[in-house]
């Protein structure tokens, strides 16, 4: 398994309310494959978003399905990242 293959799988994980993947939205910012472990950094637009756990599990599930271990950290987006996220959210909202 390569980091590129992991990124390919994660590129299909779409936000439940926005027609973009978590990678495209900048929520998944860093993915590192070391041995049998995938480390993911999640950047959320605001602290304490209610669906954070759901988004984390939506990434963990396909990684674990590949037989890999999953580890993650979280952070809050900076202003530039948040502005891009809000722009993409506005143009692709499913609601």
N, C-alpha and C. Protein backbone atom coordinates (compact mmCIF):
# COMPACT_ATOMS: atom_id res chain seq x y z
N UNK A 1 0.85 -1.18 0.00
CA UNK A 1 0.00 0.00 0.00
C UNK A 1 0.89 1.24 0.00
N UNK A 2 0.56 2.20 -0.87
CA UNK A 2 1.33 3.45 -0.93
C UNK A 2 0.48 4.62 -0.43
N UNK A 3 1.14 5.71 -0.14
CA UNK A 3 0.43 6.91 0.30
C UNK A 3 -0.51 7.39 -0.81
N UNK A 4 -0.09 7.25 -2.07
CA UNK A 4 -0.94 7.65 -3.20
C UNK A 4 -2.22 6.82 -3.25
N UNK A 5 -2.10 5.52 -2.97
CA UNK A 5 -3.29 4.66 -2.96
C UNK A 5 -4.23 5.05 -1.83
N UNK A 6 -3.67 5.38 -0.68
CA UNK A 6 -4.50 5.82 0.45
C UNK A 6 -5.20 7.13 0.10
N UNK A 7 -4.48 8.07 -0.50
CA UNK A 7 -5.09 9.34 -0.90
C UNK A 7 -6.19 9.13 -1.93
N UNK A 8 -6.00 8.18 -2.83
CA UNK A 8 -7.02 7.86 -3.83
C UNK A 8 -8.30 7.38 -3.16
N UNK A 9 -8.17 6.52 -2.16
CA UNK A 9 -9.34 6.02 -1.42
C UNK A 9 -10.00 7.18 -0.68
N UNK A 10 -9.21 8.01 -0.03
CA UNK A 10 -9.77 9.12 0.75
C UNK A 10 -10.39 10.20 -0.14
N UNK A 11 -9.95 10.29 -1.38
CA UNK A 11 -10.52 11.29 -2.29
C UNK A 11 -11.99 11.02 -2.59
N UNK A 12 -12.46 9.83 -2.26
CA UNK A 12 -13.85 9.45 -2.49
C UNK A 12 -14.75 9.69 -1.27
N UNK A 13 -14.15 10.12 -0.15
CA UNK A 13 -14.91 10.37 1.08
C UNK A 13 -15.49 11.78 1.00
N UNK A 14 -16.78 11.85 0.75
CA UNK A 14 -17.46 13.13 0.54
C UNK A 14 -18.08 13.64 1.84
N UNK A 15 -18.11 14.94 1.97
CA UNK A 15 -18.79 15.58 3.10
C UNK A 15 -20.28 15.25 2.99
N UNK A 16 -20.97 14.97 4.09
CA UNK A 16 -22.38 14.58 4.00
C UNK A 16 -23.32 15.68 3.50
N UNK A 17 -22.92 16.94 3.61
CA UNK A 17 -23.82 18.03 3.21
C UNK A 17 -23.28 18.89 2.07
N UNK A 18 -22.05 18.59 1.61
CA UNK A 18 -21.41 19.39 0.57
C UNK A 18 -20.88 18.43 -0.50
N UNK A 19 -21.11 18.77 -1.76
CA UNK A 19 -20.70 17.88 -2.85
C UNK A 19 -19.20 18.01 -3.18
N UNK A 20 -18.39 17.85 -2.18
CA UNK A 20 -16.94 17.81 -2.35
C UNK A 20 -16.39 16.80 -1.36
N UNK A 21 -15.21 16.28 -1.69
CA UNK A 21 -14.56 15.35 -0.75
C UNK A 21 -13.95 16.16 0.39
N UNK A 22 -13.64 15.45 1.47
CA UNK A 22 -13.00 16.10 2.61
C UNK A 22 -11.62 16.62 2.23
N UNK A 23 -10.97 15.97 1.27
CA UNK A 23 -9.68 16.46 0.77
C UNK A 23 -9.87 17.77 0.02
N UNK A 24 -10.86 17.81 -0.88
CA UNK A 24 -11.10 19.03 -1.66
C UNK A 24 -11.49 20.21 -0.77
N UNK A 25 -12.22 19.93 0.28
CA UNK A 25 -12.66 20.98 1.20
C UNK A 25 -11.55 21.45 2.14
N UNK A 26 -10.45 20.72 2.17
CA UNK A 26 -9.35 21.09 3.06
C UNK A 26 -9.54 20.62 4.48
N UNK A 27 -10.53 19.76 4.71
CA UNK A 27 -10.74 19.21 6.06
C UNK A 27 -9.67 18.17 6.36
N UNK A 28 -9.37 17.30 5.40
CA UNK A 28 -8.24 16.39 5.53
C UNK A 28 -7.05 17.10 4.90
N UNK A 29 -6.08 17.50 5.73
CA UNK A 29 -4.98 18.31 5.22
C UNK A 29 -3.70 17.54 5.01
N UNK A 30 -3.42 16.61 5.87
CA UNK A 30 -2.18 15.85 5.77
C UNK A 30 -2.47 14.38 5.97
N UNK A 31 -1.90 13.56 5.10
CA UNK A 31 -2.03 12.11 5.21
C UNK A 31 -0.63 11.53 5.10
N UNK A 32 -0.25 10.77 6.11
CA UNK A 32 1.09 10.19 6.14
C UNK A 32 0.98 8.69 6.41
N UNK A 33 1.58 7.93 5.52
CA UNK A 33 1.61 6.47 5.68
C UNK A 33 3.00 6.07 6.15
N UNK A 34 3.06 5.45 7.33
CA UNK A 34 4.31 4.96 7.87
C UNK A 34 4.10 3.52 8.27
N UNK A 35 4.71 2.61 7.51
CA UNK A 35 4.51 1.19 7.78
C UNK A 35 3.06 0.83 7.55
N UNK A 36 2.39 0.39 8.60
CA UNK A 36 1.00 -0.05 8.52
C UNK A 36 0.05 0.97 9.16
N UNK A 37 0.55 2.19 9.40
CA UNK A 37 -0.24 3.20 10.09
C UNK A 37 -0.42 4.44 9.21
N UNK A 38 -1.66 4.92 9.16
CA UNK A 38 -1.98 6.14 8.44
C UNK A 38 -2.29 7.22 9.48
N UNK A 39 -1.55 8.32 9.41
CA UNK A 39 -1.80 9.47 10.28
C UNK A 39 -2.48 10.55 9.44
N UNK A 40 -3.59 11.05 9.95
CA UNK A 40 -4.38 12.05 9.23
C UNK A 40 -4.53 13.28 10.11
N UNK A 41 -4.38 14.46 9.49
CA UNK A 41 -4.66 15.71 10.19
C UNK A 41 -5.97 16.27 9.65
N UNK A 42 -6.91 16.53 10.55
CA UNK A 42 -8.19 17.13 10.20
C UNK A 42 -8.15 18.60 10.58
N UNK A 43 -8.51 19.46 9.63
CA UNK A 43 -8.62 20.89 9.90
C UNK A 43 -10.10 21.24 9.78
N UNK A 44 -10.69 21.67 10.88
CA UNK A 44 -12.10 22.02 10.88
C UNK A 44 -12.26 23.53 10.80
N UNK A 45 -13.31 24.00 10.12
CA UNK A 45 -13.46 25.44 9.93
C UNK A 45 -13.68 26.21 11.23
N UNK A 46 -14.24 25.54 12.22
CA UNK A 46 -14.53 26.17 13.51
C UNK A 46 -14.27 25.14 14.61
N UNK A 47 -13.98 25.59 15.82
CA UNK A 47 -13.82 24.62 16.91
C UNK A 47 -15.15 23.96 17.26
N UNK A 48 -15.08 22.76 17.72
CA UNK A 48 -16.26 22.02 18.24
C UNK A 48 -17.40 21.88 17.23
N UNK A 49 -17.08 21.57 15.97
CA UNK A 49 -18.18 21.35 15.02
C UNK A 49 -18.91 20.07 15.38
N UNK A 50 -20.23 20.06 15.27
CA UNK A 50 -21.02 18.92 15.75
C UNK A 50 -20.77 17.61 15.00
N UNK A 51 -20.33 17.68 13.74
CA UNK A 51 -20.15 16.44 12.98
C UNK A 51 -18.69 16.00 12.91
N UNK A 52 -17.84 16.55 13.76
CA UNK A 52 -16.41 16.21 13.72
C UNK A 52 -16.19 14.70 13.85
N UNK A 53 -16.83 14.07 14.83
CA UNK A 53 -16.65 12.62 15.02
C UNK A 53 -17.12 11.84 13.81
N UNK A 54 -18.24 12.26 13.21
CA UNK A 54 -18.75 11.59 12.02
C UNK A 54 -17.73 11.69 10.87
N UNK A 55 -17.16 12.88 10.68
CA UNK A 55 -16.18 13.06 9.60
C UNK A 55 -14.93 12.24 9.85
N UNK A 56 -14.48 12.19 11.09
CA UNK A 56 -13.30 11.39 11.43
C UNK A 56 -13.57 9.92 11.15
N UNK A 57 -14.72 9.42 11.55
CA UNK A 57 -15.06 8.01 11.31
C UNK A 57 -15.25 7.72 9.82
N UNK A 58 -15.71 8.70 9.05
CA UNK A 58 -15.89 8.48 7.61
C UNK A 58 -14.55 8.32 6.90
N UNK A 59 -13.48 8.82 7.52
CA UNK A 59 -12.13 8.61 6.99
C UNK A 59 -11.51 7.36 7.59
N UNK A 60 -11.76 7.12 8.87
CA UNK A 60 -11.18 5.95 9.54
C UNK A 60 -11.66 4.64 8.91
N UNK A 61 -12.94 4.58 8.57
CA UNK A 61 -13.52 3.33 8.06
C UNK A 61 -12.82 2.81 6.81
N UNK A 62 -12.65 3.61 5.75
CA UNK A 62 -11.96 3.05 4.57
C UNK A 62 -10.48 2.73 4.83
N UNK A 63 -9.85 3.48 5.73
CA UNK A 63 -8.45 3.19 6.05
C UNK A 63 -8.36 1.84 6.75
N UNK A 64 -9.23 1.62 7.73
CA UNK A 64 -9.23 0.34 8.44
C UNK A 64 -9.63 -0.80 7.51
N UNK A 65 -10.52 -0.52 6.55
CA UNK A 65 -10.93 -1.52 5.57
C UNK A 65 -9.74 -1.98 4.72
N UNK A 66 -8.77 -1.09 4.54
CA UNK A 66 -7.55 -1.45 3.81
C UNK A 66 -6.59 -2.27 4.66
N UNK A 67 -6.95 -2.50 5.93
CA UNK A 67 -6.09 -3.26 6.83
C UNK A 67 -5.02 -2.41 7.49
N UNK A 68 -5.21 -1.10 7.50
CA UNK A 68 -4.22 -0.19 8.07
C UNK A 68 -4.71 0.37 9.40
N UNK A 69 -3.78 0.75 10.23
CA UNK A 69 -4.11 1.42 11.49
C UNK A 69 -4.39 2.88 11.19
N UNK A 70 -5.21 3.50 12.04
CA UNK A 70 -5.62 4.89 11.84
C UNK A 70 -5.30 5.71 13.07
N UNK A 71 -4.67 6.84 12.85
CA UNK A 71 -4.35 7.77 13.92
C UNK A 71 -4.64 9.17 13.39
N UNK A 72 -5.10 10.07 14.24
CA UNK A 72 -5.42 11.40 13.75
C UNK A 72 -5.17 12.48 14.79
N UNK A 73 -5.04 13.69 14.29
CA UNK A 73 -5.02 14.89 15.12
C UNK A 73 -5.98 15.88 14.47
N UNK A 74 -6.39 16.88 15.25
CA UNK A 74 -7.28 17.90 14.72
C UNK A 74 -6.71 19.28 14.99
N UNK A 75 -7.15 20.22 14.18
CA UNK A 75 -6.79 21.62 14.37
C UNK A 75 -7.90 22.47 13.76
N UNK A 76 -7.85 23.76 13.98
CA UNK A 76 -8.81 24.68 13.39
C UNK A 76 -8.15 25.33 12.17
N UNK A 77 -8.92 25.47 11.11
CA UNK A 77 -8.41 26.09 9.88
C UNK A 77 -7.95 27.53 10.13
N UNK A 78 -6.95 27.94 9.36
CA UNK A 78 -6.57 29.35 9.40
C UNK A 78 -7.56 30.14 8.53
N UNK A 79 -7.45 31.45 8.51
CA UNK A 79 -8.42 32.28 7.79
C UNK A 79 -8.49 31.95 6.30
N UNK A 80 -7.36 31.74 5.67
CA UNK A 80 -7.33 31.42 4.22
C UNK A 80 -8.03 30.09 3.96
N UNK A 81 -7.72 29.08 4.74
CA UNK A 81 -8.35 27.76 4.58
C UNK A 81 -9.86 27.86 4.82
N UNK A 82 -10.26 28.59 5.86
CA UNK A 82 -11.68 28.74 6.19
C UNK A 82 -12.43 29.46 5.07
N UNK A 83 -11.84 30.50 4.50
CA UNK A 83 -12.48 31.23 3.41
C UNK A 83 -12.70 30.33 2.20
N UNK A 84 -11.71 29.51 1.86
CA UNK A 84 -11.86 28.57 0.74
C UNK A 84 -12.96 27.56 1.05
N UNK A 85 -12.95 27.02 2.27
CA UNK A 85 -13.98 26.07 2.67
C UNK A 85 -15.37 26.69 2.53
N UNK A 86 -15.55 27.90 3.04
CA UNK A 86 -16.87 28.55 2.99
C UNK A 86 -17.31 28.84 1.56
N UNK A 87 -16.35 29.16 0.70
CA UNK A 87 -16.67 29.38 -0.71
C UNK A 87 -17.15 28.08 -1.36
N UNK A 88 -16.43 26.99 -1.12
CA UNK A 88 -16.81 25.69 -1.69
C UNK A 88 -18.14 25.23 -1.11
N UNK A 89 -18.35 25.45 0.18
CA UNK A 89 -19.61 25.08 0.83
C UNK A 89 -20.77 25.81 0.16
N UNK A 90 -20.60 27.09 -0.10
CA UNK A 90 -21.67 27.90 -0.69
C UNK A 90 -22.04 27.42 -2.10
N UNK A 91 -21.05 26.98 -2.85
CA UNK A 91 -21.34 26.56 -4.24
C UNK A 91 -21.79 25.12 -4.36
N UNK A 92 -21.59 24.31 -3.34
CA UNK A 92 -21.90 22.88 -3.48
C UNK A 92 -22.77 22.33 -2.35
N UNK A 93 -23.49 23.18 -1.65
CA UNK A 93 -24.35 22.74 -0.55
C UNK A 93 -25.44 21.84 -1.07
N UNK A 94 -25.65 20.68 -0.47
CA UNK A 94 -26.67 19.74 -0.91
C UNK A 94 -28.06 20.07 -0.39
N UNK A 95 -28.11 20.75 0.78
CA UNK A 95 -29.33 21.00 1.49
C UNK A 95 -30.46 21.47 0.66
